[in-house]
PDB file of all heavy atoms in Angstrom:
ATOM      1  N   LYS A   1       0.807  -1.218   0.005  1.00  0.00           N
ATOM      2  CA  LYS A   1       0.005  -0.018   0.004  1.00  0.00           C
ATOM      3  C   LYS A   1       0.851   1.279  -0.001  1.00  0.00           C
ATOM      4  O   LYS A   1       0.311   2.371  -0.158  1.00  0.00           O
ATOM      5  CB  LYS A   1      -0.922   0.009   1.214  1.00  0.00           C
ATOM      6  CG  LYS A   1      -1.999  -1.006   1.156  1.00  0.00           C
ATOM      7  CD  LYS A   1      -2.790  -1.136   2.429  1.00  0.00           C
ATOM      8  CE  LYS A   1      -3.063   0.142   3.155  1.00  0.00           C
ATOM      9  NZ  LYS A   1      -3.785  -0.004   4.386  1.00  0.00           N
ATOM     10  N   GLY A   2       2.133   1.130   0.187  1.00  0.00           N
ATOM     11  CA  GLY A   2       2.988   2.313   0.186  1.00  0.00           C
ATOM     12  C   GLY A   2       2.880   3.148   1.469  1.00  0.00           C
ATOM     13  O   GLY A   2       3.128   4.340   1.450  1.00  0.00           O
ATOM     14  N   THR A   3       2.475   2.536   2.544  1.00  0.00           N
ATOM     15  CA  THR A   3       2.203   3.277   3.815  1.00  0.00           C
ATOM     16  C   THR A   3       3.451   4.020   4.245  1.00  0.00           C
ATOM     17  O   THR A   3       3.318   5.098   4.754  1.00  0.00           O
ATOM     18  CB  THR A   3       1.759   2.258   4.902  1.00  0.00           C
ATOM     19  OG1 THR A   3       0.598   1.623   4.430  1.00  0.00           O
ATOM     20  CG2 THR A   3       1.437   2.970   6.164  1.00  0.00           C
ATOM     21  N   GLY A   4       4.612   3.474   4.045  1.00  0.00           N
ATOM     22  CA  GLY A   4       5.828   4.099   4.506  1.00  0.00           C
ATOM     23  C   GLY A   4       6.268   5.313   3.705  1.00  0.00           C
ATOM     24  O   GLY A   4       7.141   6.034   4.153  1.00  0.00           O
ATOM     25  N   GLN A   5       5.710   5.532   2.544  1.00  0.00           N
ATOM     26  CA  GLN A   5       6.227   6.621   1.722  1.00  0.00           C
ATOM     27  C   GLN A   5       5.146   7.504   1.091  1.00  0.00           C
ATOM     28  O   GLN A   5       5.465   8.290   0.202  1.00  0.00           O
ATOM     29  CB  GLN A   5       7.107   6.057   0.600  1.00  0.00           C
ATOM     30  CG  GLN A   5       8.388   5.463   1.211  1.00  0.00           C
ATOM     31  CD  GLN A   5       9.337   4.931   0.144  1.00  0.00           C
ATOM     32  OE1 GLN A   5       9.249   3.783  -0.213  1.00  0.00           O
ATOM     33  NE2 GLN A   5      10.217   5.775  -0.269  1.00  0.00           N
ATOM     34  N   ARG A   6       3.956   7.401   1.561  1.00  0.00           N
ATOM     35  CA  ARG A   6       2.877   8.198   0.930  1.00  0.00           C
ATOM     36  C   ARG A   6       1.959   8.750   1.987  1.00  0.00           C
ATOM     37  O   ARG A   6       1.608   8.085   2.908  1.00  0.00           O
ATOM     38  CB  ARG A   6       2.034   7.339  -0.036  1.00  0.00           C
ATOM     39  CG  ARG A   6       0.964   8.102  -0.686  1.00  0.00           C
ATOM     40  CD  ARG A   6       0.178   7.213  -1.640  1.00  0.00           C
ATOM     41  NE  ARG A   6       0.164   7.879  -2.883  1.00  0.00           N
ATOM     42  CZ  ARG A   6       0.174   7.323  -4.058  1.00  0.00           C
ATOM     43  NH1 ARG A   6       0.163   6.028  -4.144  1.00  0.00           N
ATOM     44  NH2 ARG A   6       0.154   8.013  -5.160  1.00  0.00           N
ATOM     45  N   LEU A   7       1.620   9.987   1.815  1.00  0.00           N
ATOM     46  CA  LEU A   7       0.732  10.719   2.759  1.00  0.00           C
ATOM     47  C   LEU A   7      -0.311  11.434   1.964  1.00  0.00           C
ATOM     48  O   LEU A   7      -0.013  12.111   0.981  1.00  0.00           O
ATOM     49  CB  LEU A   7       1.587  11.722   3.542  1.00  0.00           C
ATOM     50  CG  LEU A   7       0.862  12.679   4.452  1.00  0.00           C
ATOM     51  CD1 LEU A   7       0.418  11.967   5.713  1.00  0.00           C
ATOM     52  CD2 LEU A   7       1.783  13.857   4.824  1.00  0.00           C
ATOM     53  N   SER A   8      -1.569  11.300   2.391  1.00  0.00           N
ATOM     54  CA  SER A   8      -2.681  12.024   1.784  1.00  0.00           C
ATOM     55  C   SER A   8      -3.318  12.911   2.848  1.00  0.00           C
ATOM     56  O   SER A   8      -3.671  12.436   3.890  1.00  0.00           O
ATOM     57  CB  SER A   8      -3.727  11.108   1.170  1.00  0.00           C
ATOM     58  OG  SER A   8      -3.205  10.344   0.129  1.00  0.00           O
ATOM     59  N   VAL A   9      -3.478  14.190   2.530  1.00  0.00           N
ATOM     60  CA  VAL A   9      -4.065  15.125   3.438  1.00  0.00           C
ATOM     61  C   VAL A   9      -5.350  15.667   2.769  1.00  0.00           C
ATOM     62  O   VAL A   9      -5.323  16.180   1.677  1.00  0.00           O
ATOM     63  CB  VAL A   9      -3.136  16.319   3.754  1.00  0.00           C
ATOM     64  CG1 VAL A   9      -3.778  17.283   4.738  1.00  0.00           C
ATOM     65  CG2 VAL A   9      -1.808  15.810   4.311  1.00  0.00           C
ATOM     66  N   VAL A  10      -6.474  15.541   3.475  1.00  0.00           N
ATOM     67  CA  VAL A  10      -7.774  16.053   3.009  1.00  0.00           C
ATOM     68  C   VAL A  10      -8.036  17.366   3.656  1.00  0.00           C
ATOM     69  O   VAL A  10      -8.043  17.446   4.911  1.00  0.00           O
ATOM     70  CB  VAL A  10      -8.886  15.031   3.248  1.00  0.00           C
ATOM     71  CG1 VAL A  10     -10.222  15.588   2.756  1.00  0.00           C
ATOM     72  CG2 VAL A  10      -8.570  13.692   2.631  1.00  0.00           C
ATOM     73  N   LEU A  11      -8.229  18.364   2.845  1.00  0.00           N
ATOM     74  CA  LEU A  11      -8.484  19.714   3.342  1.00  0.00           C
ATOM     75  C   LEU A  11      -9.957  20.014   3.457  1.00  0.00           C
ATOM     76  O   LEU A  11     -10.772  19.347   2.765  1.00  0.00           O
ATOM     77  CB  LEU A  11      -7.816  20.754   2.430  1.00  0.00           C
ATOM     78  CG  LEU A  11      -6.335  20.548   2.267  1.00  0.00           C
ATOM     79  CD1 LEU A  11      -5.792  21.523   1.180  1.00  0.00           C
ATOM     80  CD2 LEU A  11      -5.588  20.797   3.572  1.00  0.00           C
ATOM     81  N   ALA A  12     -10.352  20.981   4.242  1.00  0.00           N
ATOM     82  CA  ALA A  12     -11.762  21.376   4.390  1.00  0.00           C
ATOM     83  C   ALA A  12     -12.290  22.049   3.132  1.00  0.00           C
ATOM     84  O   ALA A  12     -13.462  21.962   2.821  1.00  0.00           O
ATOM     85  CB  ALA A  12     -11.958  22.238   5.638  1.00  0.00           C
ATOM     86  N   GLN A  13     -11.400  22.804   2.473  1.00  0.00           N
ATOM     87  CA  GLN A  13     -11.814  23.527   1.245  1.00  0.00           C
ATOM     88  C   GLN A  13     -10.760  23.312   0.171  1.00  0.00           C
ATOM     89  O   GLN A  13      -9.565  23.177   0.432  1.00  0.00           O
ATOM     90  CB  GLN A  13     -11.954  25.030   1.526  1.00  0.00           C
ATOM     91  CG  GLN A  13     -13.068  25.334   2.480  1.00  0.00           C
ATOM     92  CD  GLN A  13     -13.213  26.847   2.689  1.00  0.00           C
ATOM     93  OE1 GLN A  13     -12.296  27.646   2.422  1.00  0.00           O
ATOM     94  NE2 GLN A  13     -14.337  27.268   3.215  1.00  0.00           N
ATOM     95  N   ALA A  14     -11.227  23.366  -1.079  1.00  0.00           N
ATOM     96  CA  ALA A  14     -10.354  23.197  -2.216  1.00  0.00           C
ATOM     97  C   ALA A  14      -9.348  24.319  -2.320  1.00  0.00           C
ATOM     98  O   ALA A  14      -9.656  25.474  -1.971  1.00  0.00           O
ATOM     99  CB  ALA A  14     -11.151  23.085  -3.510  1.00  0.00           C
ATOM    100  N   ILE A  15      -8.150  23.993  -2.754  1.00  0.00           N
ATOM    101  CA  ILE A  15      -7.138  25.024  -3.024  1.00  0.00           C
ATOM    102  C   ILE A  15      -6.690  24.902  -4.486  1.00  0.00           C
ATOM    103  O   ILE A  15      -6.908  23.883  -5.131  1.00  0.00           O
ATOM    104  CB  ILE A  15      -5.929  24.922  -2.056  1.00  0.00           C
ATOM    105  CG1 ILE A  15      -5.180  23.586  -2.224  1.00  0.00           C
ATOM    106  CG2 ILE A  15      -6.379  25.124  -0.619  1.00  0.00           C
ATOM    107  CD1 ILE A  15      -3.921  23.501  -1.387  1.00  0.00           C
ATOM    108  N   SER A  16      -5.997  25.923  -4.911  1.00  0.00           N
ATOM    109  CA  SER A  16      -5.495  25.953  -6.288  1.00  0.00           C
ATOM    110  C   SER A  16      -4.161  25.231  -6.412  1.00  0.00           C
ATOM    111  O   SER A  16      -3.365  25.258  -5.489  1.00  0.00           O
ATOM    112  CB  SER A  16      -5.298  27.423  -6.699  1.00  0.00           C
ATOM    113  OG  SER A  16      -4.498  27.542  -7.815  1.00  0.00           O
ATOM    114  N   PRO A  17      -3.891  24.635  -7.558  1.00  0.00           N
ATOM    115  CA  PRO A  17      -2.587  24.017  -7.772  1.00  0.00           C
ATOM    116  C   PRO A  17      -1.437  25.017  -7.703  1.00  0.00           C
ATOM    117  O   PRO A  17      -0.313  24.687  -7.459  1.00  0.00           O
ATOM    118  CB  PRO A  17      -2.658  23.428  -9.186  1.00  0.00           C
ATOM    119  CG  PRO A  17      -4.103  23.395  -9.557  1.00  0.00           C
ATOM    120  CD  PRO A  17      -4.790  24.406  -8.692  1.00  0.00           C
ATOM    121  N   ASP A  18      -1.781  26.312  -7.868  1.00  0.00           N
ATOM    122  CA  ASP A  18      -0.768  27.401  -7.840  1.00  0.00           C
ATOM    123  C   ASP A  18      -0.603  27.969  -6.426  1.00  0.00           C
ATOM    124  O   ASP A  18       0.188  28.895  -6.243  1.00  0.00           O
ATOM    125  CB  ASP A  18      -1.185  28.508  -8.811  1.00  0.00           C
ATOM    126  CG  ASP A  18      -1.267  28.024 -10.220  1.00  0.00           C
ATOM    127  OD1 ASP A  18      -0.491  27.118 -10.577  1.00  0.00           O
ATOM    128  OD2 ASP A  18      -2.152  28.508 -10.943  1.00  0.00           O
ATOM    129  N   ASP A  19      -1.330  27.426  -5.462  1.00  0.00           N
ATOM    130  CA  ASP A  19      -1.235  27.936  -4.090  1.00  0.00           C
ATOM    131  C   ASP A  19       0.234  27.828  -3.657  1.00  0.00           C
ATOM    132  O   ASP A  19       0.895  26.842  -3.876  1.00  0.00           O
ATOM    133  CB  ASP A  19      -2.106  27.084  -3.170  1.00  0.00           C
ATOM    134  CG  ASP A  19      -2.243  27.678  -1.794  1.00  0.00           C
ATOM    135  OD1 ASP A  19      -1.191  27.776  -1.088  1.00  0.00           O
ATOM    136  OD2 ASP A  19      -3.367  28.023  -1.399  1.00  0.00           O
ATOM    137  N   PRO A  20       0.742  28.931  -3.072  1.00  0.00           N
ATOM    138  CA  PRO A  20       2.174  28.926  -2.646  1.00  0.00           C
ATOM    139  C   PRO A  20       2.549  27.776  -1.718  1.00  0.00           C
ATOM    140  O   PRO A  20       3.688  27.307  -1.762  1.00  0.00           O
ATOM    141  CB  PRO A  20       2.287  30.268  -1.899  1.00  0.00           C
ATOM    142  CG  PRO A  20       1.175  31.097  -2.399  1.00  0.00           C
ATOM    143  CD  PRO A  20       0.082  30.191  -2.777  1.00  0.00           C
ATOM    144  N   VAL A  21       1.611  27.292  -0.883  1.00  0.00           N
ATOM    145  CA  VAL A  21       1.986  26.150  -0.023  1.00  0.00           C
ATOM    146  C   VAL A  21       2.264  24.889  -0.805  1.00  0.00           C
ATOM    147  O   VAL A  21       3.165  24.121  -0.487  1.00  0.00           O
ATOM    148  CB  VAL A  21       0.881  25.930   1.051  1.00  0.00           C
ATOM    149  CG1 VAL A  21      -0.352  25.263   0.474  1.00  0.00           C
ATOM    150  CG2 VAL A  21       1.439  25.114   2.191  1.00  0.00           C
ATOM    151  N   ILE A  22       1.544  24.666  -1.941  1.00  0.00           N
ATOM    152  CA  ILE A  22       1.803  23.509  -2.786  1.00  0.00           C
ATOM    153  C   ILE A  22       3.196  23.612  -3.393  1.00  0.00           C
ATOM    154  O   ILE A  22       3.981  22.686  -3.414  1.00  0.00           O
ATOM    155  CB  ILE A  22       0.724  23.348  -3.849  1.00  0.00           C
ATOM    156  CG1 ILE A  22      -0.657  23.148  -3.246  1.00  0.00           C
ATOM    157  CG2 ILE A  22       1.035  22.248  -4.849  1.00  0.00           C
ATOM    158  CD1 ILE A  22      -0.814  21.855  -2.461  1.00  0.00           C
ATOM    159  N   THR A  23       3.517  24.833  -3.904  1.00  0.00           N
ATOM    160  CA  THR A  23       4.827  25.071  -4.468  1.00  0.00           C
ATOM    161  C   THR A  23       5.930  24.859  -3.455  1.00  0.00           C
ATOM    162  O   THR A  23       6.961  24.230  -3.706  1.00  0.00           O
ATOM    163  CB  THR A  23       4.904  26.520  -5.013  1.00  0.00           C
ATOM    164  OG1 THR A  23       3.849  26.712  -5.941  1.00  0.00           O
ATOM    165  CG2 THR A  23       6.213  26.786  -5.749  1.00  0.00           C
ATOM    166  N   GLY A  24       5.690  25.304  -2.213  1.00  0.00           N
ATOM    167  CA  GLY A  24       6.671  25.132  -1.164  1.00  0.00           C
ATOM    168  C   GLY A  24       6.841  23.675  -0.803  1.00  0.00           C
ATOM    169  O   GLY A  24       7.985  23.232  -0.520  1.00  0.00           O
ATOM    170  N   LEU A  25       5.751  22.936  -0.759  1.00  0.00           N
ATOM    171  CA  LEU A  25       5.832  21.493  -0.430  1.00  0.00           C
ATOM    172  C   LEU A  25       6.669  20.743  -1.478  1.00  0.00           C
ATOM    173  O   LEU A  25       7.453  19.867  -1.143  1.00  0.00           O
ATOM    174  CB  LEU A  25       4.449  20.872  -0.338  1.00  0.00           C
ATOM    175  CG  LEU A  25       3.549  21.314   0.836  1.00  0.00           C
ATOM    176  CD1 LEU A  25       2.199  20.672   0.734  1.00  0.00           C
ATOM    177  CD2 LEU A  25       4.250  20.975   2.172  1.00  0.00           C
ATOM    178  N   ARG A  26       6.511  21.113  -2.727  1.00  0.00           N
ATOM    179  CA  ARG A  26       7.258  20.449  -3.804  1.00  0.00           C
ATOM    180  C   ARG A  26       8.785  20.646  -3.646  1.00  0.00           C
ATOM    181  O   ARG A  26       9.570  19.814  -4.028  1.00  0.00           O
ATOM    182  CB  ARG A  26       6.828  21.007  -5.163  1.00  0.00           C
ATOM    183  CG  ARG A  26       5.450  20.459  -5.531  1.00  0.00           C
ATOM    184  CD  ARG A  26       5.068  20.804  -6.991  1.00  0.00           C
ATOM    185  NE  ARG A  26       3.815  20.164  -7.278  1.00  0.00           N
ATOM    186  CZ  ARG A  26       2.714  20.846  -7.669  1.00  0.00           C
ATOM    187  NH1 ARG A  26       2.706  22.133  -7.788  1.00  0.00           N
ATOM    188  NH2 ARG A  26       1.615  20.166  -7.934  1.00  0.00           N
ATOM    189  N   ALA A  27       9.172  21.771  -3.030  1.00  0.00           N
ATOM    190  CA  ALA A  27      10.586  22.053  -2.814  1.00  0.00           C
ATOM    191  C   ALA A  27      11.145  21.475  -1.534  1.00  0.00           C
ATOM    192  O   ALA A  27      12.321  21.588  -1.279  1.00  0.00           O
ATOM    193  CB  ALA A  27      10.836  23.569  -2.862  1.00  0.00           C
ATOM    194  N   GLY A  28      10.280  20.829  -0.768  1.00  0.00           N
ATOM    195  CA  GLY A  28      10.698  20.317   0.571  1.00  0.00           C
ATOM    196  C   GLY A  28      11.717  19.204   0.471  1.00  0.00           C
ATOM    197  O   GLY A  28      11.714  18.392  -0.423  1.00  0.00           O
ATOM    198  N   ALA A  29      12.571  19.196   1.495  1.00  0.00           N
ATOM    199  CA  ALA A  29      13.600  18.132   1.576  1.00  0.00           C
ATOM    200  C   ALA A  29      12.910  16.802   1.838  1.00  0.00           C
ATOM    201  O   ALA A  29      12.032  16.703   2.641  1.00  0.00           O
ATOM    202  CB  ALA A  29      14.568  18.445   2.730  1.00  0.00           C
ATOM    203  N   GLY A  30      13.353  15.818   1.106  1.00  0.00           N
ATOM    204  CA  GLY A  30      12.774  14.474   1.294  1.00  0.00           C
ATOM    205  C   GLY A  30      11.484  14.208   0.526  1.00  0.00           C
ATOM    206  O   GLY A  30      10.948  13.108   0.553  1.00  0.00           O
ATOM    207  N   VAL A  31      10.983  15.220  -0.187  1.00  0.00           N
ATOM    208  CA  VAL A  31       9.729  15.052  -0.933  1.00  0.00           C
ATOM    209  C   VAL A  31      10.074  14.604  -2.362  1.00  0.00           C
ATOM    210  O   VAL A  31      10.815  15.245  -3.066  1.00  0.00           O
ATOM    211  CB  VAL A  31       8.904  16.364  -0.922  1.00  0.00           C
ATOM    212  CG1 VAL A  31       7.699  16.257  -1.831  1.00  0.00           C
ATOM    213  CG2 VAL A  31       8.501  16.698   0.502  1.00  0.00           C
ATOM    214  N   ARG A  32       9.478  13.507  -2.768  1.00  0.00           N
ATOM    215  CA  ARG A  32       9.625  13.013  -4.163  1.00  0.00           C
ATOM    216  C   ARG A  32       8.638  13.680  -5.090  1.00  0.00           C
ATOM    217  O   ARG A  32       8.966  14.095  -6.176  1.00  0.00           O
ATOM    218  CB  ARG A  32       9.467  11.515  -4.185  1.00  0.00           C
ATOM    219  CG  ARG A  32       9.572  10.948  -5.617  1.00  0.00           C
ATOM    220  CD  ARG A  32       9.351   9.503  -5.751  1.00  0.00           C
ATOM    221  NE  ARG A  32      10.141   8.784  -4.769  1.00  0.00           N
ATOM    222  CZ  ARG A  32       9.799   7.589  -4.310  1.00  0.00           C
ATOM    223  NH1 ARG A  32       8.739   6.991  -4.744  1.00  0.00           N
ATOM    224  NH2 ARG A  32      10.538   6.972  -3.417  1.00  0.00           N
ATOM    225  N   ARG A  33       7.348  13.742  -4.635  1.00  0.00           N
ATOM    226  CA  ARG A  33       6.314  14.258  -5.519  1.00  0.00           C
ATOM    227  C   ARG A  33       5.160  14.804  -4.646  1.00  0.00           C
ATOM    228  O   ARG A  33       4.841  14.256  -3.609  1.00  0.00           O
ATOM    229  CB  ARG A  33       5.786  13.115  -6.396  1.00  0.00           C
ATOM    230  CG  ARG A  33       4.775  13.521  -7.437  1.00  0.00           C
ATOM    231  CD  ARG A  33       4.396  12.330  -8.312  1.00  0.00           C
ATOM    232  NE  ARG A  33       3.419  11.468  -7.706  1.00  0.00           N
ATOM    233  CZ  ARG A  33       2.105  11.634  -7.785  1.00  0.00           C
ATOM    234  NH1 ARG A  33       1.597  12.652  -8.456  1.00  0.00           N
ATOM    235  NH2 ARG A  33       1.276  10.773  -7.197  1.00  0.00           N
ATOM    236  N   VAL A  34       4.580  15.886  -5.133  1.00  0.00           N
ATOM    237  CA  VAL A  34       3.377  16.405  -4.483  1.00  0.00           C
ATOM    238  C   VAL A  34       2.309  16.532  -5.589  1.00  0.00           C
ATOM    239  O   VAL A  34       2.578  17.103  -6.672  1.00  0.00           O
ATOM    240  CB  VAL A  34       3.636  17.838  -3.909  1.00  0.00           C
ATOM    241  CG1 VAL A  34       2.336  18.410  -3.310  1.00  0.00           C
ATOM    242  CG2 VAL A  34       4.662  17.732  -2.758  1.00  0.00           C
ATOM    243  N   ALA A  35       1.142  16.024  -5.298  1.00  0.00           N
ATOM    244  CA  ALA A  35       0.054  16.147  -6.276  1.00  0.00           C
ATOM    245  C   ALA A  35      -1.201  16.664  -5.599  1.00  0.00           C
ATOM    246  O   ALA A  35      -1.495  16.247  -4.473  1.00  0.00           O
ATOM    247  CB  ALA A  35      -0.228  14.752  -6.899  1.00  0.00           C
ATOM    248  N   LEU A  36      -1.876  17.549  -6.249  1.00  0.00           N
ATOM    249  CA  LEU A  36      -3.193  18.047  -5.795  1.00  0.00           C
ATOM    250  C   LEU A  36      -4.208  17.290  -6.637  1.00  0.00           C
ATOM    251  O   LEU A  36      -4.219  17.447  -7.883  1.00  0.00           O
ATOM    252  CB  LEU A  36      -3.280  19.526  -5.973  1.00  0.00           C
ATOM    253  CG  LEU A  36      -4.573  20.182  -5.481  1.00  0.00           C
ATOM    254  CD1 LEU A  36      -4.773  19.975  -3.991  1.00  0.00           C
ATOM    255  CD2 LEU A  36      -4.601  21.647  -5.874  1.00  0.00           C
ATOM    256  N   GLU A  37      -5.024  16.484  -6.002  1.00  0.00           N
ATOM    257  CA  GLU A  37      -5.987  15.663  -6.722  1.00  0.00           C
ATOM    258  C   GLU A  37      -7.016  16.623  -7.424  1.00  0.00           C
ATOM    259  O   GLU A  37      -7.147  17.778  -7.074  1.00  0.00           O
ATOM    260  CB  GLU A  37      -6.683  14.712  -5.784  1.00  0.00           C
ATOM    261  CG  GLU A  37      -5.719  13.781  -5.074  1.00  0.00           C
ATOM    262  CD  GLU A  37      -4.899  12.900  -5.992  1.00  0.00           C
ATOM    263  OE1 GLU A  37      -5.365  12.447  -7.053  1.00  0.00           O
ATOM    264  OE2 GLU A  37      -3.721  12.644  -5.649  1.00  0.00           O
ATOM    265  N   ALA A  38      -7.748  16.054  -8.340  1.00  0.00           N
ATOM    266  CA  ALA A  38      -8.684  16.840  -9.164  1.00  0.00           C
ATOM    267  C   ALA A  38      -9.749  17.526  -8.287  1.00  0.00           C
ATOM    268  O   ALA A  38     -10.255  18.564  -8.675  1.00  0.00           O
ATOM    269  CB  ALA A  38      -9.358  15.956 -10.214  1.00  0.00           C
ATOM    270  N   ASP A  39     -10.063  16.942  -7.172  1.00  0.00           N
ATOM    271  CA  ASP A  39     -11.073  17.527  -6.244  1.00  0.00           C
ATOM    272  C   ASP A  39     -10.599  18.795  -5.601  1.00  0.00           C
ATOM    273  O   ASP A  39     -11.366  19.578  -5.034  1.00  0.00           O
ATOM    274  CB  ASP A  39     -11.541  16.540  -5.222  1.00  0.00           C
ATOM    275  CG  ASP A  39     -10.443  16.041  -4.282  1.00  0.00           C
ATOM    276  OD1 ASP A  39      -9.315  16.604  -4.307  1.00  0.00           O
ATOM    277  OD2 ASP A  39     -10.717  15.091  -3.526  1.00  0.00           O
ATOM    278  N   GLY A  40      -9.287  19.064  -5.655  1.00  0.00           N
ATOM    279  CA  GLY A  40      -8.700  20.288  -5.050  1.00  0.00           C
ATOM    280  C   GLY A  40      -8.575  20.244  -3.528  1.00  0.00           C
ATOM    281  O   GLY A  40      -8.079  21.160  -2.962  1.00  0.00           O
ATOM    282  N   VAL A  41      -9.121  19.169  -2.915  1.00  0.00           N
ATOM    283  CA  VAL A  41      -9.031  19.096  -1.459  1.00  0.00           C
ATOM    284  C   VAL A  41      -8.088  18.020  -0.938  1.00  0.00           C
ATOM    285  O   VAL A  41      -7.780  17.958   0.230  1.00  0.00           O
ATOM    286  CB  VAL A  41     -10.441  18.912  -0.810  1.00  0.00           C
ATOM    287  CG1 VAL A  41     -11.329  20.052  -1.118  1.00  0.00           C
ATOM    288  CG2 VAL A  41     -11.023  17.576  -1.198  1.00  0.00           C
ATOM    289  N   THR A  42      -7.575  17.177  -1.838  1.00  0.00           N
ATOM    290  CA  THR A  42      -6.693  16.110  -1.391  1.00  0.00           C
ATOM    291  C   THR A  42      -5.289  16.352  -1.909  1.00  0.00           C
ATOM    292  O   THR A  42      -5.047  16.435  -3.133  1.00  0.00           O
ATOM    293  CB  THR A  42      -7.188  14.737  -1.912  1.00  0.00           C
ATOM    294  OG1 THR A  42      -8.518  14.523  -1.474  1.00  0.00           O
ATOM    295  CG2 THR A  42      -6.302  13.598  -1.376  1.00  0.00           C
ATOM    296  N   VAL A  43      -4.363  16.510  -1.004  1.00  0.00           N
ATOM    297  CA  VAL A  43      -2.952  16.729  -1.336  1.00  0.00           C
ATOM    298  C   VAL A  43      -2.248  15.436  -1.045  1.00  0.00           C
ATOM    299  O   VAL A  43      -2.299  14.934   0.100  1.00  0.00           O
ATOM    300  CB  VAL A  43      -2.355  17.878  -0.477  1.00  0.00           C
ATOM    301  CG1 VAL A  43      -0.881  18.066  -0.852  1.00  0.00           C
ATOM    302  CG2 VAL A  43      -3.120  19.175  -0.657  1.00  0.00           C
ATOM    303  N   THR A  44      -1.560  14.862  -2.063  1.00  0.00           N
ATOM    304  CA  THR A  44      -0.864  13.608  -1.899  1.00  0.00           C
ATOM    305  C   THR A  44       0.628  13.931  -1.972  1.00  0.00           C
ATOM    306  O   THR A  44       1.119  14.584  -2.908  1.00  0.00           O
ATOM    307  CB  THR A  44      -1.243  12.593  -2.958  1.00  0.00           C
ATOM    308  OG1 THR A  44      -2.645  12.361  -2.909  1.00  0.00           O
ATOM    309  CG2 THR A  44      -0.473  11.270  -2.795  1.00  0.00           C
ATOM    310  N   VAL A  45       1.402  13.444  -0.995  1.00  0.00           N
ATOM    311  CA  VAL A  45       2.823  13.680  -0.903  1.00  0.00           C
ATOM    312  C   VAL A  45       3.544  12.367  -0.882  1.00  0.00           C
ATOM    313  O   VAL A  45       3.207  11.494  -0.030  1.00  0.00           O
ATOM    314  CB  VAL A  45       3.203  14.529   0.351  1.00  0.00           C
ATOM    315  CG1 VAL A  45       4.723  14.713   0.443  1.00  0.00           C
ATOM    316  CG2 VAL A  45       2.482  15.852   0.376  1.00  0.00           C
TER     317      VAL A  45
END
């Protein structure tokens, strides 16, 4: 299931793929990939 290397965070409200926090997460140390799901509320790291 990839439990050791994948994290999904569900937000209360949708955010934009251009949101600065998404950009910042992508630059984080140890982060391979950050994806904002189509619903705009699920961030997968």
